[in-house]
Amino acid sequence: MTGFMNRFMNDESHLDTIKKFLGLNQEEIKDILNAKNPEEKSKKLVKALYIKIYNTFKQSNPNKDIYYQNFTILGNNNNPLYELVHLTKHWKGVEEMKKSMYEASNVAGLKFSDYYYDPEAIPITNFIYPKKSEELDEKAANYIYKILCKGKERVSQKQLELDVITKTPYIWHQNILEILQKEYNVKIVDEKGRETKKAPRKNEKAKESIFILCQTGK
């Protein structure tokens, strides 16, 4: 879609239609047109499209949290294939999306550069692993401690799991919690404020999600 819009943005006769569709003003359109290169223009178009879809999604779900991810999908030669925007009403949708990305990476050889989590666009699948791994769990625990636990006397396990899934590139592994307690002396508490080492995880299902897949084009 970004390639399609790119072609028409250089024709002034189509600019009003694009502005109305994306809800942009003249200055915002000018900013996209003045992008340094086609890749930057595509990213700005995807952002504008995401904002439009997000606002529409939010209007129809005013009392729901909306979680989102956006990626560039890279092929075997690191060439951009698609821009992907994913919105969901439930944090489990984010977790399932991450697991699906891991599978796509291993089966189809795709990479996902995540500009939301990492400004250097390190493929998010570098952070996702399906099974317990001492080395990877140690790295995950160190990262999570620095951005979610450091300086806090107590941390809610429920909130920690939610934040790991929605605010970091990682998926949740129970072993991470044990490392945080043992090596970083983090006090993990349950919903009643009691310190705990393990708490049963609710079998919550992912709710409605929206995917926007935009083919990268010049």
C-alpha atoms as a PDB file:
ATOM      1  CA  MET A   1       0.000   0.000   0.000  1.00  0.00           C
ATOM      2  CA  THR A   2       2.838   2.421   0.743  1.00  0.00           C
ATOM      3  CA  GLY A   3       4.193   1.867  -2.762  1.00  0.00           C
ATOM      4  CA  PHE A   4       0.762   2.590  -4.212  1.00  0.00           C
ATOM      5  CA  MET A   5       0.441   5.799  -2.172  1.00  0.00           C
ATOM      6  CA  ASN A   6       4.005   6.851  -2.982  1.00  0.00           C
ATOM      7  CA  ARG A   7       3.236   6.816  -6.689  1.00  0.00           C
ATOM      8  CA  PHE A   8       0.230   9.093  -6.294  1.00  0.00           C
ATOM      9  CA  MET A   9       1.711  11.531  -3.769  1.00  0.00           C
ATOM     10  CA  ASN A  10       3.880  13.090  -6.446  1.00  0.00           C
ATOM     11  CA  ASP A  11       0.764  13.987  -8.441  1.00  0.00           C
ATOM     12  CA  GLU A  12      -0.884  17.087  -6.945  1.00  0.00           C
ATOM     13  CA  SER A  13      -4.266  16.070  -8.305  1.00  0.00           C
ATOM     14  CA  HIS A  14      -4.315  13.152  -5.830  1.00  0.00           C
ATOM     15  CA  LEU A  15      -2.979  14.943  -2.744  1.00  0.00           C
ATOM     16  CA  ASP A  16      -6.372  16.094  -1.466  1.00  0.00           C
ATOM     17  CA  THR A  17      -7.688  12.516  -1.585  1.00  0.00           C
ATOM     18  CA  ILE A  18      -4.653  11.209   0.319  1.00  0.00           C
ATOM     19  CA  LYS A  19      -4.894  14.025   2.882  1.00  0.00           C
ATOM     20  CA  LYS A  20      -8.567  13.236   3.545  1.00  0.00           C
ATOM     21  CA  PHE A  21      -7.937   9.495   3.715  1.00  0.00           C
ATOM     22  CA  LEU A  22      -5.105   9.825   6.246  1.00  0.00           C
ATOM     23  CA  GLY A  23      -6.467  12.918   8.023  1.00  0.00           C
ATOM     24  CA  LEU A  24      -3.310  14.946   7.351  1.00  0.00           C
ATOM     25  CA  ASN A  25      -2.852  18.673   6.909  1.00  0.00           C
ATOM     26  CA  GLN A  26      -0.696  20.383   4.292  1.00  0.00           C
ATOM     27  CA  GLU A  27       2.381  20.596   6.552  1.00  0.00           C
ATOM     28  CA  GLU A  28       2.223  16.881   7.381  1.00  0.00           C
ATOM     29  CA  ILE A  29       1.909  15.985   3.708  1.00  0.00           C
ATOM     30  CA  LYS A  30       4.878  18.238   2.937  1.00  0.00           C
ATOM     31  CA  ASP A  31       6.938  16.502   5.631  1.00  0.00           C
ATOM     32  CA  ILE A  32       6.291  13.118   3.978  1.00  0.00           C
ATOM     33  CA  LEU A  33       7.066  14.458   0.497  1.00  0.00           C
ATOM     34  CA  ASN A  34      10.381  15.930   1.750  1.00  0.00           C
ATOM     35  CA  ALA A  35      11.597  12.590   3.160  1.00  0.00           C
ATOM     36  CA  LYS A  36      15.293  11.969   2.501  1.00  0.00           C
ATOM     37  CA  ASN A  37      14.763   8.667   0.692  1.00  0.00           C
ATOM     38  CA  PRO A  38      11.993   6.212  -0.322  1.00  0.00           C
ATOM     39  CA  GLU A  39      12.512   4.087   2.832  1.00  0.00           C
ATOM     40  CA  GLU A  40      11.947   7.083   5.110  1.00  0.00           C
ATOM     41  CA  LYS A  41       8.898   8.108   3.076  1.00  0.00           C
ATOM     42  CA  SER A  42       7.449   4.606   3.431  1.00  0.00           C
ATOM     43  CA  LYS A  43       7.930   4.688   7.205  1.00  0.00           C
ATOM     44  CA  LYS A  44       6.206   8.069   7.469  1.00  0.00           C
ATOM     45  CA  LEU A  45       3.304   6.833   5.371  1.00  0.00           C
ATOM     46  CA  VAL A  46       2.986   3.703   7.509  1.00  0.00           C
ATOM     47  CA  LYS A  47       2.981   5.852  10.662  1.00  0.00           C
ATOM     48  CA  ALA A  48       0.230   8.078   9.240  1.00  0.00           C
ATOM     49  CA  LEU A  49      -1.785   5.011   8.238  1.00  0.00           C
ATOM     50  CA  TYR A  50      -1.249   3.407  11.650  1.00  0.00           C
ATOM     51  CA  ILE A  51      -2.484   6.538  13.456  1.00  0.00           C
ATOM     52  CA  LYS A  52      -5.636   6.584  11.339  1.00  0.00           C
ATOM     53  CA  ILE A  53      -6.366   2.882  11.996  1.00  0.00           C
ATOM     54  CA  TYR A  54      -5.491   3.217  15.691  1.00  0.00           C
ATOM     55  CA  ASN A  55      -7.886   6.141  16.156  1.00  0.00           C
ATOM     56  CA  THR A  56     -10.648   4.256  14.336  1.00  0.00           C
ATOM     57  CA  PHE A  57      -9.984   1.140  16.445  1.00  0.00           C
ATOM     58  CA  LYS A  58      -9.958   3.207  19.645  1.00  0.00           C
ATOM     59  CA  GLN A  59     -13.223   4.961  18.791  1.00  0.00           C
ATOM     60  CA  SER A  60     -14.986   1.615  18.461  1.00  0.00           C
ATOM     61  CA  ASN A  61     -13.359   0.365  21.715  1.00  0.00           C
ATOM     62  CA  PRO A  62     -13.248   3.491  23.928  1.00  0.00           C
ATOM     63  CA  ASN A  63     -12.892   1.609  27.214  1.00  0.00           C
ATOM     64  CA  LYS A  64     -10.282  -0.887  26.074  1.00  0.00           C
ATOM     65  CA  ASP A  65      -6.494  -0.722  26.171  1.00  0.00           C
ATOM     66  CA  ILE A  66      -5.041  -0.905  22.677  1.00  0.00           C
ATOM     67  CA  TYR A  67      -1.664  -2.578  22.235  1.00  0.00           C
ATOM     68  CA  TYR A  68       0.319  -2.112  19.063  1.00  0.00           C
ATOM     69  CA  GLN A  69       3.466  -3.222  17.273  1.00  0.00           C
ATOM     70  CA  ASN A  70       4.934  -2.066  13.987  1.00  0.00           C
ATOM     71  CA  PHE A  71       7.705  -3.716  12.004  1.00  0.00           C
ATOM     72  CA  THR A  72       9.553  -3.827   8.761  1.00  0.00           C
ATOM     73  CA  ILE A  73       9.587  -7.420   7.506  1.00  0.00           C
ATOM     74  CA  LEU A  74      12.940  -8.265   5.919  1.00  0.00           C
ATOM     75  CA  GLY A  75      13.693 -11.050   3.447  1.00  0.00           C
ATOM     76  CA  ASN A  76      16.710 -13.351   3.241  1.00  0.00           C
ATOM     77  CA  ASN A  77      18.902 -10.589   1.810  1.00  0.00           C
ATOM     78  CA  ASN A  78      17.767  -8.042   4.413  1.00  0.00           C
ATOM     79  CA  ASN A  79      15.661  -6.342   1.755  1.00  0.00           C
ATOM     80  CA  PRO A  80      12.431  -4.736   3.050  1.00  0.00           C
ATOM     81  CA  LEU A  81       9.386  -6.721   1.918  1.00  0.00           C
ATOM     82  CA  TYR A  82       6.498  -5.322   3.945  1.00  0.00           C
ATOM     83  CA  GLU A  83       5.642  -2.890   6.703  1.00  0.00           C
ATOM     84  CA  LEU A  84       3.443  -4.561   9.320  1.00  0.00           C
ATOM     85  CA  VAL A  85       1.236  -2.819  11.871  1.00  0.00           C
ATOM     86  CA  HIS A  86      -0.521  -4.966  14.490  1.00  0.00           C
ATOM     87  CA  LEU A  87      -3.156  -3.683  16.912  1.00  0.00           C
ATOM     88  CA  THR A  88      -4.927  -5.794  19.517  1.00  0.00           C
ATOM     89  CA  LYS A  89      -7.298  -5.249  22.445  1.00  0.00           C
ATOM     90  CA  HIS A  90      -5.537  -7.764  24.675  1.00  0.00           C
ATOM     91  CA  TRP A  91      -1.933  -8.178  25.809  1.00  0.00           C
ATOM     92  CA  LYS A  92      -2.120 -11.873  24.947  1.00  0.00           C
ATOM     93  CA  GLY A  93      -2.441 -10.796  21.322  1.00  0.00           C
ATOM     94  CA  VAL A  94       1.000  -9.196  21.584  1.00  0.00           C
ATOM     95  CA  GLU A  95       2.488 -12.369  23.043  1.00  0.00           C
ATOM     96  CA  GLU A  96       0.938 -14.568  20.352  1.00  0.00           C
ATOM     97  CA  MET A  97       2.140 -12.185  17.652  1.00  0.00           C
ATOM     98  CA  LYS A  98       5.695 -12.457  18.966  1.00  0.00           C
ATOM     99  CA  LYS A  99       5.526 -16.255  18.942  1.00  0.00           C
ATOM    100  CA  SER A 100       4.158 -16.196  15.379  1.00  0.00           C
ATOM    101  CA  MET A 101       7.065 -13.988  14.339  1.00  0.00           C
ATOM    102  CA  TYR A 102       9.502 -16.498  15.807  1.00  0.00           C
ATOM    103  CA  GLU A 103       7.877 -19.274  13.760  1.00  0.00           C
ATOM    104  CA  ALA A 104       7.875 -17.177  10.578  1.00  0.00           C
ATOM    105  CA  SER A 105      11.531 -16.350  11.121  1.00  0.00           C
ATOM    106  CA  ASN A 106      12.519 -19.982  11.466  1.00  0.00           C
ATOM    107  CA  VAL A 107      10.277 -21.455   8.765  1.00  0.00           C
ATOM    108  CA  ALA A 108      10.267 -18.711   6.118  1.00  0.00           C
ATOM    109  CA  GLY A 109      13.572 -16.999   6.899  1.00  0.00           C
ATOM    110  CA  LEU A 110      11.893 -13.639   7.566  1.00  0.00           C
ATOM    111  CA  LYS A 111      13.237 -11.008   9.951  1.00  0.00           C
ATOM    112  CA  PHE A 112      11.260  -8.405  11.841  1.00  0.00           C
ATOM    113  CA  SER A 113      12.894  -5.059  12.543  1.00  0.00           C
ATOM    114  CA  ASP A 114      10.972  -3.493  15.375  1.00  0.00           C
ATOM    115  CA  TYR A 115      11.251   0.285  15.477  1.00  0.00           C
ATOM    116  CA  TYR A 116       8.959   0.489  18.492  1.00  0.00           C
ATOM    117  CA  TYR A 117      11.224  -1.487  20.825  1.00  0.00           C
ATOM    118  CA  ASP A 118      14.657  -0.863  19.366  1.00  0.00           C
ATOM    119  CA  PRO A 119      15.730   2.301  17.522  1.00  0.00           C
ATOM    120  CA  GLU A 120      18.582   0.363  15.918  1.00  0.00           C
ATOM    121  CA  ALA A 121      16.022  -1.996  14.370  1.00  0.00           C
ATOM    122  CA  ILE A 122      17.511  -5.207  15.728  1.00  0.00           C
ATOM    123  CA  PRO A 123      15.238  -8.050  14.582  1.00  0.00           C
ATOM    124  CA  ILE A 124      12.819  -8.775  17.405  1.00  0.00           C
ATOM    125  CA  THR A 125      13.248 -12.511  16.852  1.00  0.00           C
ATOM    126  CA  ASN A 126      16.723 -12.120  18.365  1.00  0.00           C
ATOM    127  CA  PHE A 127      14.901 -11.720  21.690  1.00  0.00           C
ATOM    128  CA  ILE A 128      12.254 -14.442  21.331  1.00  0.00           C
ATOM    129  CA  TYR A 129      12.989 -18.049  22.186  1.00  0.00           C
ATOM    130  CA  PRO A 130      10.395 -20.766  22.814  1.00  0.00           C
ATOM    131  CA  LYS A 131      12.048 -22.834  25.530  1.00  0.00           C
ATOM    132  CA  LYS A 132      13.940 -22.298  28.755  1.00  0.00           C
ATOM    133  CA  SER A 133      17.539 -21.237  28.140  1.00  0.00           C
ATOM    134  CA  GLU A 134      19.901 -20.307  30.981  1.00  0.00           C
ATOM    135  CA  GLU A 135      22.003 -17.961  28.853  1.00  0.00           C
ATOM    136  CA  LEU A 136      19.051 -16.203  27.211  1.00  0.00           C
ATOM    137  CA  ASP A 137      17.044 -16.040  30.430  1.00  0.00           C
ATOM    138  CA  GLU A 138      20.017 -14.353  32.148  1.00  0.00           C
ATOM    139  CA  LYS A 139      20.174 -11.715  29.402  1.00  0.00           C
ATOM    140  CA  ALA A 140      16.408 -11.229  29.538  1.00  0.00           C
ATOM    141  CA  ALA A 141      16.430 -10.878  33.336  1.00  0.00           C
ATOM    142  CA  ASN A 142      19.241  -8.308  33.196  1.00  0.00           C
ATOM    143  CA  TYR A 143      17.405  -6.236  30.586  1.00  0.00           C
ATOM    144  CA  ILE A 144      14.077  -6.493  32.405  1.00  0.00           C
ATOM    145  CA  TYR A 145      15.629  -5.594  35.763  1.00  0.00           C
ATOM    146  CA  LYS A 146      17.149  -2.402  34.358  1.00  0.00           C
ATOM    147  CA  ILE A 147      13.984  -1.058  32.732  1.00  0.00           C
ATOM    148  CA  LEU A 148      11.194  -2.486  34.913  1.00  0.00           C
ATOM    149  CA  CYS A 149      12.496  -3.364  38.396  1.00  0.00           C
ATOM    150  CA  LYS A 150      15.497  -1.224  39.320  1.00  0.00           C
ATOM    151  CA  GLY A 151      14.813   1.091  42.259  1.00  0.00           C
ATOM    152  CA  LYS A 152      11.534  -0.599  43.209  1.00  0.00           C
ATOM    153  CA  GLU A 153      11.052  -2.304  46.581  1.00  0.00           C
ATOM    154  CA  ARG A 154       8.304  -4.597  45.326  1.00  0.00           C
ATOM    155  CA  VAL A 155       7.096  -5.658  41.909  1.00  0.00           C
ATOM    156  CA  SER A 156       3.721  -7.189  41.082  1.00  0.00           C
ATOM    157  CA  GLN A 157       4.161 -10.443  39.164  1.00  0.00           C
ATOM    158  CA  LYS A 158       1.003  -9.810  37.135  1.00  0.00           C
ATOM    159  CA  GLN A 159       2.141  -6.305  36.164  1.00  0.00           C
ATOM    160  CA  LEU A 160       5.682  -7.501  35.494  1.00  0.00           C
ATOM    161  CA  GLU A 161       4.511 -10.183  33.080  1.00  0.00           C
ATOM    162  CA  LEU A 162       2.276  -7.666  31.299  1.00  0.00           C
ATOM    163  CA  ASP A 163       5.114  -5.125  31.026  1.00  0.00           C
ATOM    164  CA  VAL A 164       7.613  -7.705  29.766  1.00  0.00           C
ATOM    165  CA  ILE A 165       5.260  -8.670  26.959  1.00  0.00           C
ATOM    166  CA  THR A 166       4.057  -5.166  26.023  1.00  0.00           C
ATOM    167  CA  LYS A 167       7.079  -2.971  26.815  1.00  0.00           C
ATOM    168  CA  THR A 168      10.086  -5.140  25.972  1.00  0.00           C
ATOM    169  CA  PRO A 169      11.067  -7.311  22.996  1.00  0.00           C
ATOM    170  CA  TYR A 170      10.868 -10.472  25.140  1.00  0.00           C
ATOM    171  CA  ILE A 171       8.185 -13.042  25.806  1.00  0.00           C
ATOM    172  CA  TRP A 172       7.624 -14.289  29.359  1.00  0.00           C
ATOM    173  CA  HIS A 173       9.433 -17.276  30.830  1.00  0.00           C
ATOM    174  CA  GLN A 174       8.907 -18.273  34.461  1.00  0.00           C
ATOM    175  CA  ASN A 175      12.652 -18.768  34.873  1.00  0.00           C
ATOM    176  CA  ILE A 176      13.125 -14.992  34.406  1.00  0.00           C
ATOM    177  CA  LEU A 177      11.145 -14.375  37.593  1.00  0.00           C
ATOM    178  CA  GLU A 178      13.322 -16.808  39.557  1.00  0.00           C
ATOM    179  CA  ILE A 179      16.527 -15.125  38.310  1.00  0.00           C
ATOM    180  CA  LEU A 180      15.182 -11.684  39.274  1.00  0.00           C
ATOM    181  CA  GLN A 181      14.482 -12.954  42.787  1.00  0.00           C
ATOM    182  CA  LYS A 182      17.697 -14.895  43.280  1.00  0.00           C
ATOM    183  CA  GLU A 183      20.309 -12.730  41.569  1.00  0.00           C
ATOM    184  CA  TYR A 184      18.771  -9.247  41.748  1.00  0.00           C
ATOM    185  CA  ASN A 185      16.913  -9.581  45.074  1.00  0.00           C
ATOM    186  CA  VAL A 186      13.670  -8.361  43.518  1.00  0.00           C
ATOM    187  CA  LYS A 187      10.640  -8.935  45.746  1.00  0.00           C
ATOM    188  CA  ILE A 188       7.868 -10.308  43.545  1.00  0.00           C
ATOM    189  CA  VAL A 189       4.373 -10.103  45.062  1.00  0.00           C
ATOM    190  CA  ASP A 190       0.987 -11.544  44.136  1.00  0.00           C
ATOM    191  CA  GLU A 191      -2.282  -9.610  43.779  1.00  0.00           C
ATOM    192  CA  LYS A 192      -2.690  -9.494  47.570  1.00  0.00           C
ATOM    193  CA  GLY A 193       0.797  -8.100  48.111  1.00  0.00           C
ATOM    194  CA  ARG A 194       2.259 -11.365  49.392  1.00  0.00           C
ATOM    195  CA  GLU A 195       5.789 -12.246  48.336  1.00  0.00           C
ATOM    196  CA  THR A 196       5.762 -15.259  46.072  1.00  0.00           C
ATOM    197  CA  LYS A 197       8.078 -17.292  43.907  1.00  0.00           C
ATOM    198  CA  LYS A 198       5.486 -18.736  41.592  1.00  0.00           C
ATOM    199  CA  ALA A 199       1.899 -17.853  40.839  1.00  0.00           C
ATOM    200  CA  PRO A 200      -0.509 -19.716  38.562  1.00  0.00           C
ATOM    201  CA  ARG A 201      -0.955 -18.063  35.217  1.00  0.00           C
ATOM    202  CA  LYS A 202      -4.494 -17.545  33.989  1.00  0.00           C
ATOM    203  CA  ASN A 203      -5.303 -19.167  30.683  1.00  0.00           C
ATOM    204  CA  GLU A 204      -6.414 -15.967  28.972  1.00  0.00           C
ATOM    205  CA  LYS A 205      -7.140 -15.981  25.272  1.00  0.00           C
ATOM    206  CA  ALA A 206      -6.133 -13.267  22.843  1.00  0.00           C
ATOM    207  CA  LYS A 207      -8.964 -10.996  21.821  1.00  0.00           C
ATOM    208  CA  GLU A 208      -9.612  -9.276  18.519  1.00  0.00           C
ATOM    209  CA  SER A 209      -6.551  -8.093  16.596  1.00  0.00           C
ATOM    210  CA  ILE A 210      -6.065  -5.987  13.504  1.00  0.00           C
ATOM    211  CA  PHE A 211      -3.195  -6.498  11.064  1.00  0.00           C
ATOM    212  CA  ILE A 212      -2.132  -3.958   8.474  1.00  0.00           C
ATOM    213  CA  LEU A 213       0.359  -5.317   5.955  1.00  0.00           C
ATOM    214  CA  CYS A 214       1.830  -2.763   3.579  1.00  0.00           C
ATOM    215  CA  GLN A 215       4.084  -3.834   0.744  1.00  0.00           C
ATOM    216  CA  THR A 216       7.238  -1.758   0.642  1.00  0.00           C
ATOM    217  CA  GLY A 217       7.552   0.110  -2.613  1.00  0.00           C
ATOM    218  CA  LYS A 218       9.346   3.057  -4.125  1.00  0.00           C
END
